[in-house]
Amino acid sequence: MEVEMANIISDETIDYVGILAKLELSPEEKEEAKKDMGRMLDYVDMLNELDTSGVEPMSHVFPVNNVFREDVVTNGDDRDNITANAPQKKDGAFMVPKTFV
């Protein structure tokens, strides 16, 4: 005999999920949420019935390739233009007021 997930979801679990979701649920809404969550878990539990013995484990449904480009500097060292309009500069860097003592 199968145990339905709705029967093993505690009131504390529903309260905790409500806190995480920042929801204030009435007692009737909590019971309905418990039933809904149980139905969802029962549905997901059906996956245990599948024969996956010939299926290779994978981390993604689609093949994942490196989509990053090479890190190539394109703007070069343009320090003089970058600091040209700075109110104050020293040794090629911006001078700013002290932020701590």
PDB file of N, CA and C in Angstrom:
ATOM      1  N   MET A   1       0.848  -1.187   0.000  1.00  0.00           N
ATOM      2  CA  MET A   1       0.000   0.000   0.000  1.00  0.00           C
ATOM      3  C   MET A   1       0.888   1.243   0.000  1.00  0.00           C
ATOM      4  N   GLU A   2       0.625   2.159  -0.942  1.00  0.00           N
ATOM      5  CA  GLU A   2       1.431   3.374  -1.048  1.00  0.00           C
ATOM      6  C   GLU A   2       0.947   4.428  -0.062  1.00  0.00           C
ATOM      7  N   VAL A   3       1.902   5.150   0.502  1.00  0.00           N
ATOM      8  CA  VAL A   3       1.576   6.242   1.409  1.00  0.00           C
ATOM      9  C   VAL A   3       1.575   7.522   0.601  1.00  0.00           C
ATOM     10  N   GLU A   4       0.484   8.262   0.649  1.00  0.00           N
ATOM     11  CA  GLU A   4       0.431   9.525  -0.086  1.00  0.00           C
ATOM     12  C   GLU A   4       1.255  10.568   0.645  1.00  0.00           C
ATOM     13  N   MET A   5       1.955  11.405  -0.139  1.00  0.00           N
ATOM     14  CA  MET A   5       2.815  12.435   0.438  1.00  0.00           C
ATOM     15  C   MET A   5       2.027  13.443   1.265  1.00  0.00           C
ATOM     16  N   ALA A   6       0.755  13.644   0.918  1.00  0.00           N
ATOM     17  CA  ALA A   6      -0.054  14.614   1.666  1.00  0.00           C
ATOM     18  C   ALA A   6      -0.177  14.206   3.117  1.00  0.00           C
ATOM     19  N   ASN A   7      -0.084  12.910   3.388  1.00  0.00           N
ATOM     20  CA  ASN A   7      -0.228  12.434   4.760  1.00  0.00           C
ATOM     21  C   ASN A   7       1.043  12.635   5.584  1.00  0.00           C
ATOM     22  N   ILE A   8       2.192  12.821   4.933  1.00  0.00           N
ATOM     23  CA  ILE A   8       3.428  12.966   5.703  1.00  0.00           C
ATOM     24  C   ILE A   8       3.929  14.409   5.757  1.00  0.00           C
ATOM     25  N   ILE A   9       3.197  15.342   5.157  1.00  0.00           N
ATOM     26  CA  ILE A   9       3.578  16.756   5.238  1.00  0.00           C
ATOM     27  C   ILE A   9       2.988  17.314   6.521  1.00  0.00           C
ATOM     28  N   SER A  10       3.849  17.811   7.377  1.00  0.00           N
ATOM     29  CA  SER A  10       3.399  18.288   8.682  1.00  0.00           C
ATOM     30  C   SER A  10       2.927  19.740   8.616  1.00  0.00           C
ATOM     31  N   ASP A  11       2.197  20.120   9.639  1.00  0.00           N
ATOM     32  CA  ASP A  11       1.758  21.514   9.752  1.00  0.00           C
ATOM     33  C   ASP A  11       2.962  22.435   9.891  1.00  0.00           C
ATOM     34  N   GLU A  12       4.002  21.942  10.567  1.00  0.00           N
ATOM     35  CA  GLU A  12       5.219  22.750  10.731  1.00  0.00           C
ATOM     36  C   GLU A  12       5.869  23.039   9.381  1.00  0.00           C
ATOM     37  N   THR A  13       5.840  22.049   8.482  1.00  0.00           N
ATOM     38  CA  THR A  13       6.405  22.249   7.149  1.00  0.00           C
ATOM     39  C   THR A  13       5.630  23.316   6.398  1.00  0.00           C
ATOM     40  N   ILE A  14       4.317  23.251   6.464  1.00  0.00           N
ATOM     41  CA  ILE A  14       3.482  24.253   5.793  1.00  0.00           C
ATOM     42  C   ILE A  14       3.724  25.631   6.403  1.00  0.00           C
ATOM     43  N   ASP A  15       3.837  25.704   7.729  1.00  0.00           N
ATOM     44  CA  ASP A  15       4.126  26.989   8.379  1.00  0.00           C
ATOM     45  C   ASP A  15       5.477  27.531   7.922  1.00  0.00           C
ATOM     46  N   TYR A  16       6.473  26.654   7.844  1.00  0.00           N
ATOM     47  CA  TYR A  16       7.816  27.078   7.438  1.00  0.00           C
ATOM     48  C   TYR A  16       7.818  27.574   5.993  1.00  0.00           C
ATOM     49  N   VAL A  17       7.146  26.857   5.110  1.00  0.00           N
ATOM     50  CA  VAL A  17       7.061  27.286   3.706  1.00  0.00           C
ATOM     51  C   VAL A  17       6.317  28.616   3.623  1.00  0.00           C
ATOM     52  N   GLY A  18       5.304  28.783   4.433  1.00  0.00           N
ATOM     53  CA  GLY A  18       4.576  30.052   4.466  1.00  0.00           C
ATOM     54  C   GLY A  18       5.466  31.198   4.905  1.00  0.00           C
ATOM     55  N   ILE A  19       6.324  30.945   5.889  1.00  0.00           N
ATOM     56  CA  ILE A  19       7.260  31.975   6.349  1.00  0.00           C
ATOM     57  C   ILE A  19       8.240  32.327   5.235  1.00  0.00           C
ATOM     58  N   LEU A  20       8.785  31.290   4.573  1.00  0.00           N
ATOM     59  CA  LEU A  20       9.733  31.533   3.485  1.00  0.00           C
ATOM     60  C   LEU A  20       9.097  32.316   2.340  1.00  0.00           C
ATOM     61  N   ALA A  21       7.827  32.016   2.055  1.00  0.00           N
ATOM     62  CA  ALA A  21       7.122  32.686   0.967  1.00  0.00           C
ATOM     63  C   ALA A  21       6.486  34.002   1.418  1.00  0.00           C
ATOM     64  N   LYS A  22       6.645  34.316   2.712  1.00  0.00           N
ATOM     65  CA  LYS A  22       6.067  35.530   3.297  1.00  0.00           C
ATOM     66  C   LYS A  22       4.555  35.582   3.070  1.00  0.00           C
ATOM     67  N   LEU A  23       3.911  34.439   3.372  1.00  0.00           N
ATOM     68  CA  LEU A  23       2.460  34.327   3.241  1.00  0.00           C
ATOM     69  C   LEU A  23       1.831  34.120   4.608  1.00  0.00           C
ATOM     70  N   GLU A  24       0.691  34.743   4.814  1.00  0.00           N
ATOM     71  CA  GLU A  24      -0.099  34.475   6.012  1.00  0.00           C
ATOM     72  C   GLU A  24      -1.301  33.668   5.559  1.00  0.00           C
ATOM     73  N   LEU A  25      -1.310  32.391   5.914  1.00  0.00           N
ATOM     74  CA  LEU A  25      -2.358  31.499   5.465  1.00  0.00           C
ATOM     75  C   LEU A  25      -3.361  31.223   6.572  1.00  0.00           C
ATOM     76  N   SER A  26      -4.625  31.198   6.207  1.00  0.00           N
ATOM     77  CA  SER A  26      -5.662  30.810   7.161  1.00  0.00           C
ATOM     78  C   SER A  26      -5.575  29.299   7.358  1.00  0.00           C
ATOM     79  N   PRO A  27      -6.200  28.772   8.394  1.00  0.00           N
ATOM     80  CA  PRO A  27      -6.174  27.313   8.604  1.00  0.00           C
ATOM     81  C   PRO A  27      -6.699  26.536   7.384  1.00  0.00           C
ATOM     82  N   GLU A  28      -7.735  27.064   6.727  1.00  0.00           N
ATOM     83  CA  GLU A  28      -8.271  26.400   5.527  1.00  0.00           C
ATOM     84  C   GLU A  28      -7.247  26.424   4.398  1.00  0.00           C
ATOM     85  N   GLU A  29      -6.566  27.561   4.239  1.00  0.00           N
ATOM     86  CA  GLU A  29      -5.549  27.674   3.185  1.00  0.00           C
ATOM     87  C   GLU A  29      -4.359  26.757   3.474  1.00  0.00           C
ATOM     88  N   LYS A  30      -4.018  26.595   4.745  1.00  0.00           N
ATOM     89  CA  LYS A  30      -2.924  25.694   5.112  1.00  0.00           C
ATOM     90  C   LYS A  30      -3.265  24.249   4.743  1.00  0.00           C
ATOM     91  N   GLU A  31      -4.505  23.838   5.011  1.00  0.00           N
ATOM     92  CA  GLU A  31      -4.925  22.484   4.657  1.00  0.00           C
ATOM     93  C   GLU A  31      -4.904  22.289   3.147  1.00  0.00           C
ATOM     94  N   GLU A  32      -5.358  23.303   2.410  1.00  0.00           N
ATOM     95  CA  GLU A  32      -5.346  23.211   0.947  1.00  0.00           C
ATOM     96  C   GLU A  32      -3.908  23.184   0.425  1.00  0.00           C
ATOM     97  N   ALA A  33      -3.039  23.971   1.022  1.00  0.00           N
ATOM     98  CA  ALA A  33      -1.626  23.974   0.622  1.00  0.00           C
ATOM     99  C   ALA A  33      -0.992  22.620   0.912  1.00  0.00           C
ATOM    100  N   LYS A  34      -1.356  22.019   2.029  1.00  0.00           N
ATOM    101  CA  LYS A  34      -0.828  20.694   2.385  1.00  0.00           C
ATOM    102  C   LYS A  34      -1.248  19.664   1.334  1.00  0.00           C
ATOM    103  N   LYS A  35      -2.514  19.729   0.913  1.00  0.00           N
ATOM    104  CA  LYS A  35      -3.005  18.808  -0.115  1.00  0.00           C
ATOM    105  C   LYS A  35      -2.295  19.060  -1.453  1.00  0.00           C
ATOM    106  N   ASP A  36      -2.158  20.349  -1.817  1.00  0.00           N
ATOM    107  CA  ASP A  36      -1.489  20.688  -3.076  1.00  0.00           C
ATOM    108  C   ASP A  36      -0.044  20.204  -3.079  1.00  0.00           C
ATOM    109  N   MET A  37       0.669  20.459  -1.983  1.00  0.00           N
ATOM    110  CA  MET A  37       2.065  20.045  -1.900  1.00  0.00           C
ATOM    111  C   MET A  37       2.165  18.518  -1.953  1.00  0.00           C
ATOM    112  N   GLY A  38       1.229  17.841  -1.305  1.00  0.00           N
ATOM    113  CA  GLY A  38       1.208  16.382  -1.345  1.00  0.00           C
ATOM    114  C   GLY A  38       0.997  15.866  -2.760  1.00  0.00           C
ATOM    115  N   ARG A  39       0.068  16.502  -3.505  1.00  0.00           N
ATOM    116  CA  ARG A  39      -0.170  16.089  -4.892  1.00  0.00           C
ATOM    117  C   ARG A  39       1.068  16.317  -5.744  1.00  0.00           C
ATOM    118  N   MET A  40       1.756  17.437  -5.514  1.00  0.00           N
ATOM    119  CA  MET A  40       2.987  17.713  -6.278  1.00  0.00           C
ATOM    120  C   MET A  40       4.045  16.658  -5.980  1.00  0.00           C
ATOM    121  N   LEU A  41       4.232  16.342  -4.707  1.00  0.00           N
ATOM    122  CA  LEU A  41       5.237  15.347  -4.339  1.00  0.00           C
ATOM    123  C   LEU A  41       4.867  13.954  -4.837  1.00  0.00           C
ATOM    124  N   ASP A  42       3.573  13.625  -4.828  1.00  0.00           N
ATOM    125  CA  ASP A  42       3.133  12.337  -5.376  1.00  0.00           C
ATOM    126  C   ASP A  42       3.456  12.265  -6.864  1.00  0.00           C
ATOM    127  N   TYR A  43       3.234  13.366  -7.570  1.00  0.00           N
ATOM    128  CA  TYR A  43       3.518  13.403  -9.005  1.00  0.00           C
ATOM    129  C   TYR A  43       5.016  13.224  -9.266  1.00  0.00           C
ATOM    130  N   VAL A  44       5.834  13.935  -8.501  1.00  0.00           N
ATOM    131  CA  VAL A  44       7.286  13.819  -8.661  1.00  0.00           C
ATOM    132  C   VAL A  44       7.745  12.418  -8.280  1.00  0.00           C
ATOM    133  N   ASP A  45       7.106  11.813  -7.308  1.00  0.00           N
ATOM    134  CA  ASP A  45       7.479  10.475  -6.863  1.00  0.00           C
ATOM    135  C   ASP A  45       7.245   9.425  -7.956  1.00  0.00           C
ATOM    136  N   MET A  46       6.389   9.724  -8.913  1.00  0.00           N
ATOM    137  CA  MET A  46       6.162   8.803 -10.032  1.00  0.00           C
ATOM    138  C   MET A  46       7.448   8.571 -10.822  1.00  0.00           C
ATOM    139  N   LEU A  47       8.393   9.481 -10.760  1.00  0.00           N
ATOM    140  CA  LEU A  47       9.660   9.310 -11.471  1.00  0.00           C
ATOM    141  C   LEU A  47      10.426   8.092 -10.977  1.00  0.00           C
ATOM    142  N   ASN A  48      10.192   7.696  -9.734  1.00  0.00           N
ATOM    143  CA  ASN A  48      10.859   6.507  -9.202  1.00  0.00           C
ATOM    144  C   ASN A  48      10.430   5.229  -9.917  1.00  0.00           C
ATOM    145  N   GLU A  49       9.293   5.267 -10.602  1.00  0.00           N
ATOM    146  CA  GLU A  49       8.801   4.100 -11.317  1.00  0.00           C
ATOM    147  C   GLU A  49       9.488   3.914 -12.672  1.00  0.00           C
ATOM    148  N   LEU A  50      10.188   4.930 -13.145  1.00  0.00           N
ATOM    149  CA  LEU A  50      10.835   4.856 -14.455  1.00  0.00           C
ATOM    150  C   LEU A  50      12.075   3.985 -14.395  1.00  0.00           C
ATOM    151  N   ASP A  51      12.307   3.231 -15.478  1.00  0.00           N
ATOM    152  CA  ASP A  51      13.519   2.429 -15.597  1.00  0.00           C
ATOM    153  C   ASP A  51      14.603   3.310 -16.214  1.00  0.00           C
ATOM    154  N   THR A  52      15.570   3.706 -15.399  1.00  0.00           N
ATOM    155  CA  THR A  52      16.642   4.583 -15.882  1.00  0.00           C
ATOM    156  C   THR A  52      17.977   3.855 -15.943  1.00  0.00           C
ATOM    157  N   SER A  53      17.937   2.541 -15.975  1.00  0.00           N
ATOM    158  CA  SER A  53      19.181   1.768 -15.945  1.00  0.00           C
ATOM    159  C   SER A  53      20.057   2.029 -17.171  1.00  0.00           C
ATOM    160  N   GLY A  54      19.469   2.341 -18.329  1.00  0.00           N
ATOM    161  CA  GLY A  54      20.264   2.581 -19.532  1.00  0.00           C
ATOM    162  C   GLY A  54      20.491   4.051 -19.834  1.00  0.00           C
ATOM    163  N   VAL A  55      20.154   4.912 -18.914  1.00  0.00           N
ATOM    164  CA  VAL A  55      20.269   6.355 -19.142  1.00  0.00           C
ATOM    165  C   VAL A  55      21.536   6.865 -18.481  1.00  0.00           C
ATOM    166  N   GLU A  56      22.358   7.539 -19.273  1.00  0.00           N
ATOM    167  CA  GLU A  56      23.609   8.074 -18.742  1.00  0.00           C
ATOM    168  C   GLU A  56      23.323   9.320 -17.895  1.00  0.00           C
ATOM    169  N   PRO A  57      23.903   9.421 -16.704  1.00  0.00           N
ATOM    170  CA  PRO A  57      23.684  10.613 -15.876  1.00  0.00           C
ATOM    171  C   PRO A  57      24.212  11.862 -16.585  1.00  0.00           C
ATOM    172  N   MET A  58      23.497  12.969 -16.385  1.00  0.00           N
ATOM    173  CA  MET A  58      23.934  14.235 -16.982  1.00  0.00           C
ATOM    174  C   MET A  58      23.568  15.376 -16.053  1.00  0.00           C
ATOM    175  N   SER A  59      24.278  16.477 -16.217  1.00  0.00           N
ATOM    176  CA  SER A  59      24.009  17.628 -15.361  1.00  0.00           C
ATOM    177  C   SER A  59      23.068  18.619 -16.025  1.00  0.00           C
ATOM    178  N   HIS A  60      22.949  18.561 -17.362  1.00  0.00           N
ATOM    179  CA  HIS A  60      22.070  19.461 -18.098  1.00  0.00           C
ATOM    180  C   HIS A  60      21.330  18.667 -19.179  1.00  0.00           C
ATOM    181  N   VAL A  61      20.168  19.144 -19.541  1.00  0.00           N
ATOM    182  CA  VAL A  61      19.413  18.497 -20.597  1.00  0.00           C
ATOM    183  C   VAL A  61      20.092  18.713 -21.944  1.00  0.00           C
ATOM    184  N   PHE A  62      20.620  19.903 -22.142  1.00  0.00           N
ATOM    185  CA  PHE A  62      21.284  20.242 -23.390  1.00  0.00           C
ATOM    186  C   PHE A  62      22.791  20.213 -23.191  1.00  0.00           C
ATOM    187  N   PRO A  63      23.544  19.955 -24.257  1.00  0.00           N
ATOM    188  CA  PRO A  63      25.004  19.985 -24.106  1.00  0.00           C
ATOM    189  C   PRO A  63      25.474  21.393 -23.723  1.00  0.00           C
ATOM    190  N   VAL A  64      26.387  21.446 -22.782  1.00  0.00           N
ATOM    191  CA  VAL A  64      26.877  22.734 -22.305  1.00  0.00           C
ATOM    192  C   VAL A  64      28.292  22.928 -22.825  1.00  0.00           C
ATOM    193  N   ASN A  65      28.493  24.009 -23.538  1.00  0.00           N
ATOM    194  CA  ASN A  65      29.811  24.349 -24.063  1.00  0.00           C
ATOM    195  C   ASN A  65      30.266  25.659 -23.445  1.00  0.00           C
ATOM    196  N   ASN A  66      31.568  25.853 -23.413  1.00  0.00           N
ATOM    197  CA  ASN A  66      32.113  27.106 -22.916  1.00  0.00           C
ATOM    198  C   ASN A  66      31.706  28.220 -23.885  1.00  0.00           C
ATOM    199  N   VAL A  67      30.940  29.179 -23.393  1.00  0.00           N
ATOM    200  CA  VAL A  67      30.472  30.264 -24.249  1.00  0.00           C
ATOM    201  C   VAL A  67      31.235  31.561 -23.984  1.00  0.00           C
ATOM    202  N   PHE A  68      32.315  31.464 -23.233  1.00  0.00           N
ATOM    203  CA  PHE A  68      33.079  32.656 -22.902  1.00  0.00           C
ATOM    204  C   PHE A  68      34.041  33.000 -24.035  1.00  0.00           C
ATOM    205  N   ARG A  69      34.251  34.269 -24.235  1.00  0.00           N
ATOM    206  CA  ARG A  69      35.210  34.705 -25.244  1.00  0.00           C
ATOM    207  C   ARG A  69      36.579  34.822 -24.601  1.00  0.00           C
ATOM    208  N   GLU A  70      37.579  34.899 -25.410  1.00  0.00           N
ATOM    209  CA  GLU A  70      38.926  35.104 -24.899  1.00  0.00           C
ATOM    210  C   GLU A  70      39.008  36.479 -24.255  1.00  0.00           C
ATOM    211  N   ASP A  71      39.799  36.595 -23.216  1.00  0.00           N
ATOM    212  CA  ASP A  71      39.975  37.867 -22.522  1.00  0.00           C
ATOM    213  C   ASP A  71      41.072  38.645 -23.234  1.00  0.00           C
ATOM    214  N   VAL A  72      40.663  39.515 -24.150  1.00  0.00           N
ATOM    215  CA  VAL A  72      41.601  40.287 -24.959  1.00  0.00           C
ATOM    216  C   VAL A  72      41.407  41.766 -24.629  1.00  0.00           C
ATOM    217  N   VAL A  73      42.471  42.449 -24.294  1.00  0.00           N
ATOM    218  CA  VAL A  73      42.420  43.877 -23.998  1.00  0.00           C
ATOM    219  C   VAL A  73      42.244  44.619 -25.313  1.00  0.00           C
ATOM    220  N   THR A  74      41.209  45.463 -25.371  1.00  0.00           N
ATOM    221  CA  THR A  74      40.952  46.188 -26.619  1.00  0.00           C
ATOM    222  C   THR A  74      41.161  47.688 -26.483  1.00  0.00           C
ATOM    223  N   ASN A  75      41.123  48.206 -25.259  1.00  0.00           N
ATOM    224  CA  ASN A  75      41.250  49.653 -25.103  1.00  0.00           C
ATOM    225  C   ASN A  75      42.657  50.088 -24.709  1.00  0.00           C
ATOM    226  N   GLY A  76      43.516  49.186 -24.365  1.00  0.00           N
ATOM    227  CA  GLY A  76      44.911  49.518 -24.076  1.00  0.00           C
ATOM    228  C   GLY A  76      45.089  50.420 -22.870  1.00  0.00           C
ATOM    229  N   ASP A  77      46.258  51.017 -22.775  1.00  0.00           N
ATOM    230  CA  ASP A  77      46.583  51.905 -21.668  1.00  0.00           C
ATOM    231  C   ASP A  77      46.328  53.337 -22.101  1.00  0.00           C
ATOM    232  N   ASP A  78      45.165  53.845 -21.759  1.00  0.00           N
ATOM    233  CA  ASP A  78      44.772  55.202 -22.150  1.00  0.00           C
ATOM    234  C   ASP A  78      44.614  56.057 -20.901  1.00  0.00           C
ATOM    235  N   ARG A  79      45.556  55.888 -19.963  1.00  0.00           N
ATOM    236  CA  ARG A  79      45.475  56.532 -18.660  1.00  0.00           C
ATOM    237  C   ARG A  79      45.370  58.053 -18.761  1.00  0.00           C
ATOM    238  N   ASP A  80      46.096  58.670 -19.675  1.00  0.00           N
ATOM    239  CA  ASP A  80      46.076  60.134 -19.781  1.00  0.00           C
ATOM    240  C   ASP A  80      44.681  60.635 -20.153  1.00  0.00           C
ATOM    241  N   ASN A  81      44.011  59.986 -21.109  1.00  0.00           N
ATOM    242  CA  ASN A  81      42.656  60.403 -21.482  1.00  0.00           C
ATOM    243  C   ASN A  81      41.649  60.113 -20.378  1.00  0.00           C
ATOM    244  N   ILE A  82      41.843  58.996 -19.673  1.00  0.00           N
ATOM    245  CA  ILE A  82      40.907  58.631 -18.608  1.00  0.00           C
ATOM    246  C   ILE A  82      40.969  59.634 -17.463  1.00  0.00           C
ATOM    247  N   THR A  83      42.152  60.091 -17.103  1.00  0.00           N
ATOM    248  CA  THR A  83      42.302  61.020 -15.973  1.00  0.00           C
ATOM    249  C   THR A  83      42.337  62.483 -16.402  1.00  0.00           C
ATOM    250  N   ALA A  84      42.111  62.758 -17.680  1.00  0.00           N
ATOM    251  CA  ALA A  84      42.213  64.135 -18.192  1.00  0.00           C
ATOM    252  C   ALA A  84      41.280  65.096 -17.468  1.00  0.00           C
ATOM    253  N   ASN A  85      40.071  64.693 -17.150  1.00  0.00           N
ATOM    254  CA  ASN A  85      39.097  65.580 -16.515  1.00  0.00           C
ATOM    255  C   ASN A  85      38.992  65.384 -15.005  1.00  0.00           C
ATOM    256  N   ALA A  86      39.908  64.644 -14.422  1.00  0.00           N
ATOM    257  CA  ALA A  86      39.884  64.419 -12.980  1.00  0.00           C
ATOM    258  C   ALA A  86      40.207  65.711 -12.249  1.00  0.00           C
ATOM    259  N   PRO A  87      39.448  66.030 -11.191  1.00  0.00           N
ATOM    260  CA  PRO A  87      39.738  67.247 -10.425  1.00  0.00           C
ATOM    261  C   PRO A  87      41.144  67.210  -9.824  1.00  0.00           C
ATOM    262  N   GLN A  88      41.560  66.027  -9.351  1.00  0.00           N
ATOM    263  CA  GLN A  88      42.899  65.866  -8.801  1.00  0.00           C
ATOM    264  C   GLN A  88      43.414  64.501  -9.214  1.00  0.00           C
ATOM    265  N   LYS A  89      44.719  64.446  -9.522  1.00  0.00           N
ATOM    266  CA  LYS A  89      45.323  63.161  -9.849  1.00  0.00           C
ATOM    267  C   LYS A  89      46.750  63.142  -9.332  1.00  0.00           C
ATOM    268  N   LYS A  90      47.250  61.944  -9.111  1.00  0.00           N
ATOM    269  CA  LYS A  90      48.599  61.773  -8.616  1.00  0.00           C
ATOM    270  C   LYS A  90      49.145  60.466  -9.168  1.00  0.00           C
ATOM    271  N   ASP A  91      50.294  60.510  -9.768  1.00  0.00           N
ATOM    272  CA  ASP A  91      50.950  59.334 -10.326  1.00  0.00           C
ATOM    273  C   ASP A  91      50.029  58.559 -11.275  1.00  0.00           C
ATOM    274  N   GLY A  92      49.254  59.285 -12.090  1.00  0.00           N
ATOM    275  CA  GLY A  92      48.387  58.650 -13.074  1.00  0.00           C
ATOM    276  C   GLY A  92      47.129  58.037 -12.498  1.00  0.00           C
ATOM    277  N   ALA A  93      46.764  58.344 -11.254  1.00  0.00           N
ATOM    278  CA  ALA A  93      45.564  57.797 -10.625  1.00  0.00           C
ATOM    279  C   ALA A  93      44.693  58.938 -10.105  1.00  0.00           C
ATOM    280  N   PHE A  94      43.419  58.663  -9.892  1.00  0.00           N
ATOM    281  CA  PHE A  94      42.508  59.646  -9.324  1.00  0.00           C
ATOM    282  C   PHE A  94      42.844  59.855  -7.856  1.00  0.00           C
ATOM    283  N   MET A  95      42.798  61.103  -7.406  1.00  0.00           N
ATOM    284  CA  MET A  95      42.931  61.392  -5.979  1.00  0.00           C
ATOM    285  C   MET A  95      41.548  61.683  -5.445  1.00  0.00           C
ATOM    286  N   VAL A  96      41.202  61.047  -4.347  1.00  0.00           N
ATOM    287  CA  VAL A  96      39.897  61.226  -3.741  1.00  0.00           C
ATOM    288  C   VAL A  96      40.098  61.543  -2.259  1.00  0.00           C
ATOM    289  N   PRO A  97      39.070  62.158  -1.635  1.00  0.00           N
ATOM    290  CA  PRO A  97      39.191  62.464  -0.209  1.00  0.00           C
ATOM    291  C   PRO A  97      39.269  61.168   0.622  1.00  0.00           C
ATOM    292  N   LYS A  98      39.892  61.278   1.783  1.00  0.00           N
ATOM    293  CA  LYS A  98      39.948  60.154   2.712  1.00  0.00           C
ATOM    294  C   LYS A  98      38.534  59.745   3.110  1.00  0.00           C
ATOM    295  N   THR A  99      38.304  58.460   3.187  1.00  0.00           N
ATOM    296  CA  THR A  99      36.979  57.987   3.612  1.00  0.00           C
ATOM    297  C   THR A  99      37.001  57.424   5.015  1.00  0.00           C
ATOM    298  N   PHE A 100      38.186  57.240   5.599  1.00  0.00           N
ATOM    299  CA  PHE A 100      38.295  56.779   6.982  1.00  0.00           C
ATOM    300  C   PHE A 100      39.569  57.349   7.574  1.00  0.00           C
ATOM    301  N   VAL A 101      39.630  57.354   8.901  1.00  0.00           N
ATOM    302  CA  VAL A 101      40.766  57.954   9.582  1.00  0.00           C
ATOM    303  C   VAL A 101      41.703  56.878  10.075  1.00  0.00           C
TER     304      VAL A 101
END
